[in-house]
Amino acid sequence: MLGSRQALREAVGFRNKSCLPSPLAGNVAKRVCKVLYQHQGDKDIIQHVISVTCPRFLLGLLDAGKSHLQRQVKPEAWLSLGPSPGPGHLLLVCHVSGFYPKPVWVRWMRGEQEQPGTQRGDILPNADETWYLQATLEVAAGEAADLSCRVKHSSLEGQDIILYWGKKELGPRLEMPGGGPQHSGRAS
């Protein structure tokens, strides 16, 4: 942040109560100095605003924006069946919601192999400024047992969410690497 403060002060500087535009700041700094020259009586107030008040205000905005942009919200994930694509076939749906920032990796897997039929929808906004995504896979009814949906996101810090399409009596399972499986319809 020190560099930002210094850059703000270097755009328009004051020496001996005279305005000195930085050559790197361009025409805006020259116009500011011209306006200051026209308002000689308010020079001390203007100098204080430009040298102290504006940089503090801008640095506050930068800090607030930085913390917002760097926030991490872990996704919630769950599995469901979509509308039947036809006799003897299932449409498996992996829902991932509530994550921030936007980049996310979601795939249907068999073991460590990505399933080439995975269809990923658009990443859509939620009302709380987080994101939502669905990934679907059409499979023959007898081939669903060994499938899982894997979610990778920066907020998970390398601990992917893996939801297994399990036996009917168990439903989907969540496995966090290193944590063992849990039987659950939702994972967060």
Protein backbone atom coordinates (compact mmCIF):
# COMPACT_ATOMS: atom_id res chain seq x y z
CA MET A 1 0.00 0.00 0.00
CA LEU A 2 2.92 2.32 0.55
CA GLY A 3 3.54 2.33 -3.20
CA SER A 4 -0.06 3.41 -3.86
CA ARG A 5 0.18 6.28 -1.39
CA GLN A 6 3.46 7.41 -2.90
CA ALA A 7 2.02 7.23 -6.44
CA LEU A 8 -0.93 9.40 -5.39
CA ARG A 9 1.39 12.00 -3.90
CA GLU A 10 3.68 11.95 -6.92
CA ALA A 11 0.90 12.70 -9.43
CA VAL A 12 0.51 16.21 -8.02
CA GLY A 13 3.15 17.43 -5.62
CA PHE A 14 3.51 20.59 -3.58
CA ARG A 15 6.80 22.36 -2.97
CA ASN A 16 6.90 25.77 -1.37
CA LYS A 17 3.09 25.87 -1.68
CA SER A 18 3.36 25.56 -5.47
CA CYS A 19 1.67 22.83 -7.47
CA LEU A 20 4.03 20.64 -9.46
CA PRO A 21 2.43 18.11 -11.85
CA SER A 22 4.39 14.93 -12.33
CA PRO A 23 5.47 14.36 -15.94
CA LEU A 24 4.26 10.75 -15.57
CA ALA A 25 0.76 11.80 -14.45
CA GLY A 26 -0.14 13.39 -17.77
CA ASN A 27 -2.69 16.09 -18.57
CA VAL A 28 -4.93 15.44 -15.56
CA ALA A 29 -2.20 16.56 -13.15
CA LYS A 30 -1.55 19.66 -15.26
CA ARG A 31 -5.25 20.58 -15.16
CA VAL A 32 -5.35 20.10 -11.37
CA CYS A 33 -2.40 22.47 -10.96
CA LYS A 34 -4.06 25.00 -13.28
CA VAL A 35 -7.25 24.96 -11.18
CA LEU A 36 -5.18 25.33 -8.00
CA TYR A 37 -3.34 28.30 -9.47
CA GLN A 38 -6.69 29.99 -10.17
CA HIS A 39 -7.78 29.54 -6.53
CA GLN A 40 -4.83 31.10 -4.69
CA GLY A 41 -6.87 31.89 -1.55
CA ASP A 42 -7.86 28.26 -1.01
CA LYS A 43 -4.41 26.86 -1.65
CA ASP A 44 -3.87 25.45 1.88
CA ILE A 45 -7.26 23.72 1.92
CA ILE A 46 -6.82 22.32 -1.58
CA GLN A 47 -3.29 21.17 -0.78
CA HIS A 48 -4.56 19.34 2.33
CA VAL A 49 -7.40 17.72 0.40
CA ILE A 50 -5.11 16.51 -2.39
CA SER A 51 -2.16 15.55 -0.18
CA VAL A 52 -3.97 14.01 2.80
CA THR A 53 -7.73 13.54 2.43
CA CYS A 54 -7.88 12.11 -1.12
CA PRO A 55 -5.06 9.58 -0.64
CA ARG A 56 -6.60 8.34 2.63
CA PHE A 57 -10.02 8.04 1.00
CA LEU A 58 -8.64 6.22 -2.06
CA LEU A 59 -6.54 3.86 0.05
CA GLY A 60 -9.64 3.04 2.11
CA LEU A 61 -11.53 2.20 -1.08
CA LEU A 62 -8.64 0.07 -2.31
CA ASP A 63 -8.48 -1.83 1.01
CA ALA A 64 -12.24 -2.46 0.98
CA GLY A 65 -12.15 -3.64 -2.64
CA LYS A 66 -9.13 -5.84 -2.02
CA SER A 67 -10.75 -7.66 0.90
CA HIS A 68 -13.93 -8.18 -1.14
CA LEU A 69 -12.01 -9.54 -4.14
CA GLN A 70 -9.87 -11.82 -1.99
CA ARG A 71 -12.78 -13.37 -0.10
CA GLN A 72 -13.24 -17.13 -0.32
CA VAL A 73 -16.59 -18.88 0.12
CA LYS A 74 -16.68 -22.69 0.07
CA PRO A 75 -19.14 -24.36 -2.27
CA GLU A 76 -22.01 -26.58 -1.24
CA ALA A 77 -22.53 -29.59 -3.52
CA TRP A 78 -25.26 -32.19 -3.96
CA LEU A 79 -26.42 -34.77 -6.47
CA SER A 80 -29.83 -35.38 -8.01
CA LEU A 81 -31.50 -37.12 -10.93
CA GLY A 82 -32.52 -34.96 -13.86
CA PRO A 83 -35.40 -35.64 -16.25
CA SER A 84 -35.14 -39.07 -17.87
CA PRO A 85 -33.28 -38.85 -21.19
CA GLY A 86 -34.89 -42.10 -22.36
CA PRO A 87 -35.60 -45.72 -21.43
CA GLY A 88 -32.75 -47.35 -19.53
CA HIS A 89 -30.81 -44.08 -19.14
CA LEU A 90 -30.28 -41.68 -16.25
CA LEU A 91 -29.37 -38.00 -16.22
CA LEU A 92 -27.12 -37.44 -13.20
CA VAL A 93 -26.92 -33.84 -11.98
CA CYS A 94 -24.15 -32.41 -9.78
CA HIS A 95 -25.16 -29.08 -8.25
CA VAL A 96 -22.48 -26.73 -6.90
CA SER A 97 -23.62 -23.52 -5.24
CA GLY A 98 -22.56 -20.70 -2.95
CA PHE A 99 -18.92 -20.47 -4.07
CA TYR A 100 -16.75 -17.37 -4.51
CA PRO A 101 -14.67 -16.48 -6.47
CA LYS A 102 -16.19 -17.60 -9.76
CA PRO A 103 -13.58 -20.03 -11.17
CA VAL A 104 -14.54 -23.61 -10.31
CA TRP A 105 -13.78 -27.07 -11.72
CA VAL A 106 -16.64 -29.62 -11.71
CA ARG A 107 -16.49 -32.99 -13.50
CA TRP A 108 -18.17 -36.38 -13.42
CA MET A 109 -15.52 -39.05 -12.82
CA ARG A 110 -15.14 -42.81 -12.85
CA GLY A 111 -12.20 -43.42 -10.56
CA GLU A 112 -9.60 -40.89 -11.67
CA GLN A 113 -10.93 -40.72 -15.25
CA GLU A 114 -12.96 -37.70 -16.32
CA GLN A 115 -16.15 -38.74 -18.09
CA PRO A 116 -16.18 -37.27 -21.61
CA GLY A 117 -19.98 -36.90 -21.64
CA THR A 118 -19.97 -34.36 -18.80
CA GLN A 119 -22.03 -31.30 -19.75
CA ARG A 120 -21.26 -28.20 -17.74
CA GLY A 121 -23.87 -25.44 -17.62
CA ASP A 122 -23.17 -21.75 -17.34
CA ILE A 123 -21.92 -20.37 -14.03
CA LEU A 124 -24.86 -18.32 -12.77
CA PRO A 125 -25.00 -15.67 -10.04
CA ASN A 126 -26.79 -16.20 -6.73
CA ALA A 127 -28.47 -13.26 -4.96
CA ASP A 128 -25.69 -13.18 -2.31
CA GLU A 129 -22.91 -12.51 -4.90
CA THR A 130 -21.81 -16.15 -4.91
CA TRP A 131 -22.09 -18.51 -7.89
CA TYR A 132 -24.03 -21.64 -8.94
CA LEU A 133 -23.27 -24.35 -11.50
CA GLN A 134 -24.67 -27.71 -12.66
CA ALA A 135 -22.75 -30.50 -14.34
CA THR A 136 -24.76 -33.33 -15.90
CA LEU A 137 -23.94 -36.75 -17.27
CA GLU A 138 -26.20 -39.11 -19.19
CA VAL A 139 -25.47 -42.78 -18.48
CA ALA A 140 -27.04 -46.19 -18.89
CA ALA A 141 -28.91 -47.05 -15.69
CA GLY A 142 -26.53 -49.91 -14.83
CA GLU A 143 -23.39 -47.77 -15.21
CA ALA A 144 -24.07 -45.12 -12.55
CA ALA A 145 -22.78 -47.03 -9.50
CA ASP A 146 -19.06 -46.16 -9.78
CA LEU A 147 -19.49 -42.50 -10.76
CA SER A 148 -18.60 -39.46 -8.68
CA CYS A 149 -18.77 -35.72 -9.07
CA ARG A 150 -15.54 -33.93 -8.20
CA VAL A 151 -15.44 -30.23 -7.28
CA LYS A 152 -12.23 -28.19 -7.12
CA HIS A 153 -12.31 -24.60 -5.88
CA SER A 154 -9.71 -22.22 -4.43
CA SER A 155 -11.63 -21.94 -1.14
CA LEU A 156 -11.24 -25.69 -0.57
CA GLU A 157 -7.45 -25.35 -0.32
CA GLY A 158 -6.77 -28.59 -2.20
CA GLN A 159 -9.42 -30.61 -0.32
CA ASP A 160 -11.72 -31.42 -3.26
CA ILE A 161 -15.36 -32.30 -2.70
CA ILE A 162 -16.11 -35.75 -4.10
CA LEU A 163 -19.72 -36.90 -4.18
CA TYR A 164 -20.25 -40.56 -5.06
CA TRP A 165 -23.35 -41.79 -6.79
CA GLY A 166 -23.97 -44.64 -4.37
CA LYS A 167 -26.40 -47.47 -3.85
CA LYS A 168 -30.06 -46.49 -3.58
CA GLU A 169 -30.25 -47.20 0.15
CA LEU A 170 -27.25 -44.94 0.83
CA GLY A 171 -27.77 -42.13 -1.64
CA PRO A 172 -24.89 -39.89 -2.67
CA ARG A 173 -21.75 -39.93 -0.50
CA LEU A 174 -19.28 -37.18 0.31
CA GLU A 175 -15.60 -37.93 0.59
CA MET A 176 -13.09 -35.31 1.54
CA PRO A 177 -9.59 -36.59 0.68
CA GLY A 178 -7.99 -37.71 3.90
CA GLY A 179 -11.32 -37.71 5.72
CA GLY A 180 -13.10 -40.88 4.58
CA PRO A 181 -16.60 -41.19 3.18
CA GLN A 182 -19.73 -39.85 4.80
CA HIS A 183 -23.22 -40.66 3.63
CA SER A 184 -25.01 -37.47 2.80
CA GLY A 185 -27.12 -35.83 0.14
CA ARG A 186 -25.34 -32.52 0.56
CA ALA A 187 -21.78 -31.49 1.17
CA SER A 188 -20.42 -28.16 2.25
